[in-house]
Amino acid sequence: MRIIVALAFLGILGSLGSALVFMMKDKSKTNRTVNALTARIGLSVVLFLFVLFAHWMGWIDSTGIR
């Protein structure tokens, strides 16, 4: 489970980094920045839903904070 979440997080960071590179290189001439940021949002939503599903299935447990 940790590996899946870590890979998804790295994908989110990679998409954010590529959006930064595209923003600096393209100077608003293409939609590559928008596409990279859209992919980042999609990955974030999928990761959130996957964590909720994993909790519902009992694959991960909430520990609670005291």
PDB file of N, CA and C in Angstrom:
ATOM      1  N   MET A   1       0.824  -1.184   0.000  1.00  0.00           N
ATOM      2  CA  MET A   1       0.000   0.000   0.000  1.00  0.00           C
ATOM      3  C   MET A   1       0.874   1.255   0.000  1.00  0.00           C
ATOM      4  N   ARG A   2       1.922   1.234   0.797  1.00  0.00           N
ATOM      5  CA  ARG A   2       2.809   2.405   0.863  1.00  0.00           C
ATOM      6  C   ARG A   2       3.479   2.664  -0.479  1.00  0.00           C
ATOM      7  N   ILE A   3       3.813   1.597  -1.179  1.00  0.00           N
ATOM      8  CA  ILE A   3       4.477   1.757  -2.468  1.00  0.00           C
ATOM      9  C   ILE A   3       3.537   2.411  -3.480  1.00  0.00           C
ATOM     10  N   ILE A   4       2.282   1.988  -3.493  1.00  0.00           N
ATOM     11  CA  ILE A   4       1.307   2.557  -4.423  1.00  0.00           C
ATOM     12  C   ILE A   4       1.097   4.041  -4.147  1.00  0.00           C
ATOM     13  N   VAL A   5       0.941   4.396  -2.881  1.00  0.00           N
ATOM     14  CA  VAL A   5       0.743   5.798  -2.516  1.00  0.00           C
ATOM     15  C   VAL A   5       1.987   6.617  -2.839  1.00  0.00           C
ATOM     16  N   ALA A   6       3.165   6.063  -2.566  1.00  0.00           N
ATOM     17  CA  ALA A   6       4.412   6.779  -2.862  1.00  0.00           C
ATOM     18  C   ALA A   6       4.581   6.998  -4.365  1.00  0.00           C
ATOM     19  N   LEU A   7       4.262   5.990  -5.170  1.00  0.00           N
ATOM     20  CA  LEU A   7       4.358   6.146  -6.620  1.00  0.00           C
ATOM     21  C   LEU A   7       3.370   7.187  -7.142  1.00  0.00           C
ATOM     22  N   ALA A   8       2.171   7.185  -6.604  1.00  0.00           N
ATOM     23  CA  ALA A   8       1.185   8.182  -7.019  1.00  0.00           C
ATOM     24  C   ALA A   8       1.646   9.582  -6.622  1.00  0.00           C
ATOM     25  N   PHE A   9       2.219   9.708  -5.434  1.00  0.00           N
ATOM     26  CA  PHE A   9       2.719  11.005  -4.989  1.00  0.00           C
ATOM     27  C   PHE A   9       3.867  11.481  -5.873  1.00  0.00           C
ATOM     28  N   LEU A  10       4.754  10.575  -6.252  1.00  0.00           N
ATOM     29  CA  LEU A  10       5.838  10.943  -7.159  1.00  0.00           C
ATOM     30  C   LEU A  10       5.303  11.350  -8.532  1.00  0.00           C
ATOM     31  N   GLY A  11       4.251  10.681  -8.992  1.00  0.00           N
ATOM     32  CA  GLY A  11       3.617  11.069 -10.247  1.00  0.00           C
ATOM     33  C   GLY A  11       3.015  12.461 -10.171  1.00  0.00           C
ATOM     34  N   ILE A  12       2.418  12.789  -9.044  1.00  0.00           N
ATOM     35  CA  ILE A  12       1.845  14.117  -8.846  1.00  0.00           C
ATOM     36  C   ILE A  12       2.950  15.168  -8.862  1.00  0.00           C
ATOM     37  N   LEU A  13       4.040  14.902  -8.151  1.00  0.00           N
ATOM     38  CA  LEU A  13       5.160  15.852  -8.138  1.00  0.00           C
ATOM     39  C   LEU A  13       5.807  15.977  -9.512  1.00  0.00           C
ATOM     40  N   GLY A  14       5.914  14.872 -10.239  1.00  0.00           N
ATOM     41  CA  GLY A  14       6.472  14.911 -11.587  1.00  0.00           C
ATOM     42  C   GLY A  14       5.619  15.741 -12.529  1.00  0.00           C
ATOM     43  N   SER A  15       4.319  15.603 -12.409  1.00  0.00           N
ATOM     44  CA  SER A  15       3.416  16.386 -13.239  1.00  0.00           C
ATOM     45  C   SER A  15       3.514  17.873 -12.905  1.00  0.00           C
ATOM     46  N   LEU A  16       3.656  18.176 -11.636  1.00  0.00           N
ATOM     47  CA  LEU A  16       3.814  19.565 -11.229  1.00  0.00           C
ATOM     48  C   LEU A  16       5.127  20.139 -11.754  1.00  0.00           C
ATOM     49  N   GLY A  17       6.191  19.349 -11.697  1.00  0.00           N
ATOM     50  CA  GLY A  17       7.481  19.794 -12.219  1.00  0.00           C
ATOM     51  C   GLY A  17       7.452  19.993 -13.721  1.00  0.00           C
ATOM     52  N   SER A  18       6.799  19.085 -14.436  1.00  0.00           N
ATOM     53  CA  SER A  18       6.720  19.240 -15.887  1.00  0.00           C
ATOM     54  C   SER A  18       5.889  20.467 -16.260  1.00  0.00           C
ATOM     55  N   ALA A  19       4.858  20.776 -15.466  1.00  0.00           N
ATOM     56  CA  ALA A  19       4.074  21.989 -15.724  1.00  0.00           C
ATOM     57  C   ALA A  19       4.945  23.228 -15.559  1.00  0.00           C
ATOM     58  N   LEU A  20       5.829  23.214 -14.574  1.00  0.00           N
ATOM     59  CA  LEU A  20       6.732  24.340 -14.382  1.00  0.00           C
ATOM     60  C   LEU A  20       7.682  24.492 -15.562  1.00  0.00           C
ATOM     61  N   VAL A  21       8.237  23.378 -16.024  1.00  0.00           N
ATOM     62  CA  VAL A  21       9.152  23.425 -17.168  1.00  0.00           C
ATOM     63  C   VAL A  21       8.426  23.916 -18.413  1.00  0.00           C
ATOM     64  N   PHE A  22       7.222  23.406 -18.659  1.00  0.00           N
ATOM     65  CA  PHE A  22       6.455  23.832 -19.828  1.00  0.00           C
ATOM     66  C   PHE A  22       6.101  25.312 -19.739  1.00  0.00           C
ATOM     67  N   MET A  23       5.802  25.791 -18.537  1.00  0.00           N
ATOM     68  CA  MET A  23       5.449  27.191 -18.373  1.00  0.00           C
ATOM     69  C   MET A  23       6.649  28.094 -18.696  1.00  0.00           C
ATOM     70  N   MET A  24       7.845  27.662 -18.308  1.00  0.00           N
ATOM     71  CA  MET A  24       9.037  28.464 -18.572  1.00  0.00           C
ATOM     72  C   MET A  24       9.463  28.396 -20.045  1.00  0.00           C
ATOM     73  N   LYS A  25       9.306  27.245 -20.685  1.00  0.00           N
ATOM     74  CA  LYS A  25       9.757  27.075 -22.064  1.00  0.00           C
ATOM     75  C   LYS A  25       8.782  27.614 -23.094  1.00  0.00           C
ATOM     76  N   ASP A  26       7.495  27.326 -22.927  1.00  0.00           N
ATOM     77  CA  ASP A  26       6.513  27.615 -23.974  1.00  0.00           C
ATOM     78  C   ASP A  26       6.058  29.059 -24.024  1.00  0.00           C
ATOM     79  N   LYS A  27       6.131  29.770 -22.926  1.00  0.00           N
ATOM     80  CA  LYS A  27       5.684  31.177 -22.868  1.00  0.00           C
ATOM     81  C   LYS A  27       4.244  31.339 -23.348  1.00  0.00           C
ATOM     82  N   SER A  28       3.371  30.457 -22.889  1.00  0.00           N
ATOM     83  CA  SER A  28       1.926  30.503 -23.168  1.00  0.00           C
ATOM     84  C   SER A  28       1.567  30.288 -24.638  1.00  0.00           C
ATOM     85  N   LYS A  29       2.397  29.571 -25.367  1.00  0.00           N
ATOM     86  CA  LYS A  29       2.093  29.319 -26.771  1.00  0.00           C
ATOM     87  C   LYS A  29       1.360  27.993 -26.985  1.00  0.00           C
ATOM     88  N   THR A  30       1.495  27.061 -26.041  1.00  0.00           N
ATOM     89  CA  THR A  30       0.822  25.770 -26.168  1.00  0.00           C
ATOM     90  C   THR A  30       0.025  25.487 -24.901  1.00  0.00           C
ATOM     91  N   ASN A  31      -0.727  24.394 -24.933  1.00  0.00           N
ATOM     92  CA  ASN A  31      -1.545  23.994 -23.785  1.00  0.00           C
ATOM     93  C   ASN A  31      -0.866  22.927 -22.930  1.00  0.00           C
ATOM     94  N   ARG A  32       0.433  22.721 -23.094  1.00  0.00           N
ATOM     95  CA  ARG A  32       1.101  21.663 -22.342  1.00  0.00           C
ATOM     96  C   ARG A  32       1.078  21.921 -20.840  1.00  0.00           C
ATOM     97  N   THR A  33       1.168  23.173 -20.416  1.00  0.00           N
ATOM     98  CA  THR A  33       1.108  23.495 -18.991  1.00  0.00           C
ATOM     99  C   THR A  33      -0.259  23.139 -18.428  1.00  0.00           C
ATOM    100  N   VAL A  34      -1.294  23.512 -19.138  1.00  0.00           N
ATOM    101  CA  VAL A  34      -2.661  23.210 -18.693  1.00  0.00           C
ATOM    102  C   VAL A  34      -2.881  21.707 -18.638  1.00  0.00           C
ATOM    103  N   ASN A  35      -2.385  20.978 -19.620  1.00  0.00           N
ATOM    104  CA  ASN A  35      -2.540  19.522 -19.625  1.00  0.00           C
ATOM    105  C   ASN A  35      -1.796  18.884 -18.452  1.00  0.00           C
ATOM    106  N   ALA A  36      -0.595  19.375 -18.143  1.00  0.00           N
ATOM    107  CA  ALA A  36       0.167  18.815 -17.018  1.00  0.00           C
ATOM    108  C   ALA A  36      -0.534  19.093 -15.692  1.00  0.00           C
ATOM    109  N   LEU A  37      -1.079  20.296 -15.534  1.00  0.00           N
ATOM    110  CA  LEU A  37      -1.793  20.618 -14.297  1.00  0.00           C
ATOM    111  C   LEU A  37      -3.103  19.847 -14.192  1.00  0.00           C
ATOM    112  N   THR A  38      -3.759  19.606 -15.319  1.00  0.00           N
ATOM    113  CA  THR A  38      -4.973  18.789 -15.319  1.00  0.00           C
ATOM    114  C   THR A  38      -4.649  17.354 -14.918  1.00  0.00           C
ATOM    115  N   ALA A  39      -3.535  16.840 -15.401  1.00  0.00           N
ATOM    116  CA  ALA A  39      -3.109  15.487 -15.011  1.00  0.00           C
ATOM    117  C   ALA A  39      -2.797  15.433 -13.525  1.00  0.00           C
ATOM    118  N   ARG A  40      -2.203  16.490 -12.983  1.00  0.00           N
ATOM    119  CA  ARG A  40      -1.887  16.525 -11.555  1.00  0.00           C
ATOM    120  C   ARG A  40      -3.161  16.497 -10.729  1.00  0.00           C
ATOM    121  N   ILE A  41      -4.150  17.255 -11.136  1.00  0.00           N
ATOM    122  CA  ILE A  41      -5.418  17.263 -10.408  1.00  0.00           C
ATOM    123  C   ILE A  41      -6.090  15.898 -10.493  1.00  0.00           C
ATOM    124  N   GLY A  42      -6.056  15.306 -11.682  1.00  0.00           N
ATOM    125  CA  GLY A  42      -6.649  13.974 -11.843  1.00  0.00           C
ATOM    126  C   GLY A  42      -5.960  12.933 -10.980  1.00  0.00           C
ATOM    127  N   LEU A  43      -4.634  12.960 -10.942  1.00  0.00           N
ATOM    128  CA  LEU A  43      -3.884  12.015 -10.104  1.00  0.00           C
ATOM    129  C   LEU A  43      -4.187  12.231  -8.624  1.00  0.00           C
ATOM    130  N   SER A  44      -4.324  13.475  -8.218  1.00  0.00           N
ATOM    131  CA  SER A  44      -4.629  13.769  -6.817  1.00  0.00           C
ATOM    132  C   SER A  44      -6.007  13.244  -6.432  1.00  0.00           C
ATOM    133  N   VAL A  45      -6.978  13.430  -7.299  1.00  0.00           N
ATOM    134  CA  VAL A  45      -8.333  12.941  -7.018  1.00  0.00           C
ATOM    135  C   VAL A  45      -8.352  11.415  -6.975  1.00  0.00           C
ATOM    136  N   VAL A  46      -7.662  10.780  -7.919  1.00  0.00           N
ATOM    137  CA  VAL A  46      -7.615   9.317  -7.948  1.00  0.00           C
ATOM    138  C   VAL A  46      -6.926   8.779  -6.697  1.00  0.00           C
ATOM    139  N   LEU A  47      -5.837   9.417  -6.273  1.00  0.00           N
ATOM    140  CA  LEU A  47      -5.148   8.984  -5.058  1.00  0.00           C
ATOM    141  C   LEU A  47      -6.052   9.123  -3.846  1.00  0.00           C
ATOM    142  N   PHE A  48      -6.764  10.230  -3.731  1.00  0.00           N
ATOM    143  CA  PHE A  48      -7.679  10.436  -2.611  1.00  0.00           C
ATOM    144  C   PHE A  48      -8.777   9.382  -2.592  1.00  0.00           C
ATOM    145  N   LEU A  49      -9.373   9.124  -3.751  1.00  0.00           N
ATOM    146  CA  LEU A  49     -10.430   8.113  -3.820  1.00  0.00           C
ATOM    147  C   LEU A  49      -9.891   6.719  -3.526  1.00  0.00           C
ATOM    148  N   PHE A  50      -8.653   6.438  -3.965  1.00  0.00           N
ATOM    149  CA  PHE A  50      -8.054   5.138  -3.683  1.00  0.00           C
ATOM    150  C   PHE A  50      -7.815   4.955  -2.180  1.00  0.00           C
ATOM    151  N   VAL A  51      -7.378   5.995  -1.503  1.00  0.00           N
ATOM    152  CA  VAL A  51      -7.167   5.904  -0.051  1.00  0.00           C
ATOM    153  C   VAL A  51      -8.498   5.692   0.660  1.00  0.00           C
ATOM    154  N   LEU A  52      -9.536   6.390   0.235  1.00  0.00           N
ATOM    155  CA  LEU A  52     -10.859   6.164   0.830  1.00  0.00           C
ATOM    156  C   LEU A  52     -11.344   4.734   0.589  1.00  0.00           C
ATOM    157  N   PHE A  53     -11.150   4.233  -0.629  1.00  0.00           N
ATOM    158  CA  PHE A  53     -11.565   2.864  -0.952  1.00  0.00           C
ATOM    159  C   PHE A  53     -10.764   1.843  -0.144  1.00  0.00           C
ATOM    160  N   ALA A  54      -9.468   2.072  -0.012  1.00  0.00           N
ATOM    161  CA  ALA A  54      -8.624   1.151   0.758  1.00  0.00           C
ATOM    162  C   ALA A  54      -9.035   1.133   2.225  1.00  0.00           C
ATOM    163  N   HIS A  55      -9.421   2.262   2.750  1.00  0.00           N
ATOM    164  CA  HIS A  55      -9.891   2.300   4.139  1.00  0.00           C
ATOM    165  C   HIS A  55     -11.215   1.561   4.277  1.00  0.00           C
ATOM    166  N   TRP A  56     -12.095   1.759   3.308  1.00  0.00           N
ATOM    167  CA  TRP A  56     -13.392   1.080   3.336  1.00  0.00           C
ATOM    168  C   TRP A  56     -13.229  -0.438   3.234  1.00  0.00           C
ATOM    169  N   MET A  57     -12.262  -0.891   2.420  1.00  0.00           N
ATOM    170  CA  MET A  57     -12.023  -2.322   2.261  1.00  0.00           C
ATOM    171  C   MET A  57     -11.266  -2.926   3.443  1.00  0.00           C
ATOM    172  N   GLY A  58     -10.698  -2.080   4.293  1.00  0.00           N
ATOM    173  CA  GLY A  58      -9.955  -2.573   5.445  1.00  0.00           C
ATOM    174  C   GLY A  58      -8.489  -2.831   5.164  1.00  0.00           C
ATOM    175  N   TRP A  59      -7.996  -2.375   4.025  1.00  0.00           N
ATOM    176  CA  TRP A  59      -6.589  -2.562   3.679  1.00  0.00           C
ATOM    177  C   TRP A  59      -5.694  -1.658   4.510  1.00  0.00           C
ATOM    178  N   ILE A  60      -6.219  -0.496   4.900  1.00  0.00           N
ATOM    179  CA  ILE A  60      -5.490   0.412   5.770  1.00  0.00           C
ATOM    180  C   ILE A  60      -6.393   0.758   6.939  1.00  0.00           C
ATOM    181  N   ASP A  61      -5.797   1.064   8.059  1.00  0.00           N
ATOM    182  CA  ASP A  61      -6.561   1.410   9.270  1.00  0.00           C
ATOM    183  C   ASP A  61      -6.227   2.823   9.677  1.00  0.00           C
ATOM    184  N   SER A  62      -7.239   3.513  10.191  1.00  0.00           N
ATOM    185  CA  SER A  62      -6.981   4.830  10.752  1.00  0.00           C
ATOM    186  C   SER A  62      -6.489   4.635  12.177  1.00  0.00           C
ATOM    187  N   THR A  63      -5.507   5.422  12.558  1.00  0.00           N
ATOM    188  CA  THR A  63      -4.926   5.267  13.898  1.00  0.00           C
ATOM    189  C   THR A  63      -5.549   6.225  14.893  1.00  0.00           C
ATOM    190  N   GLY A  64      -6.022   7.354  14.450  1.00  0.00           N
ATOM    191  CA  GLY A  64      -6.568   8.345  15.352  1.00  0.00           C
ATOM    192  C   GLY A  64      -5.448   9.106  16.045  1.00  0.00           C
ATOM    193  N   ILE A  65      -5.723  10.321  16.408  1.00  0.00           N
ATOM    194  CA  ILE A  65      -4.738  11.149  17.098  1.00  0.00           C
ATOM    195  C   ILE A  65      -5.270  11.434  18.490  1.00  0.00           C
ATOM    196  N   ARG A  66      -4.421  11.188  19.474  1.00  0.00           N
ATOM    197  CA  ARG A  66      -4.847  11.411  20.867  1.00  0.00           C
ATOM    198  C   ARG A  66      -4.313  12.706  21.384  1.00  0.00           C
TER     199      ARG A  66
END
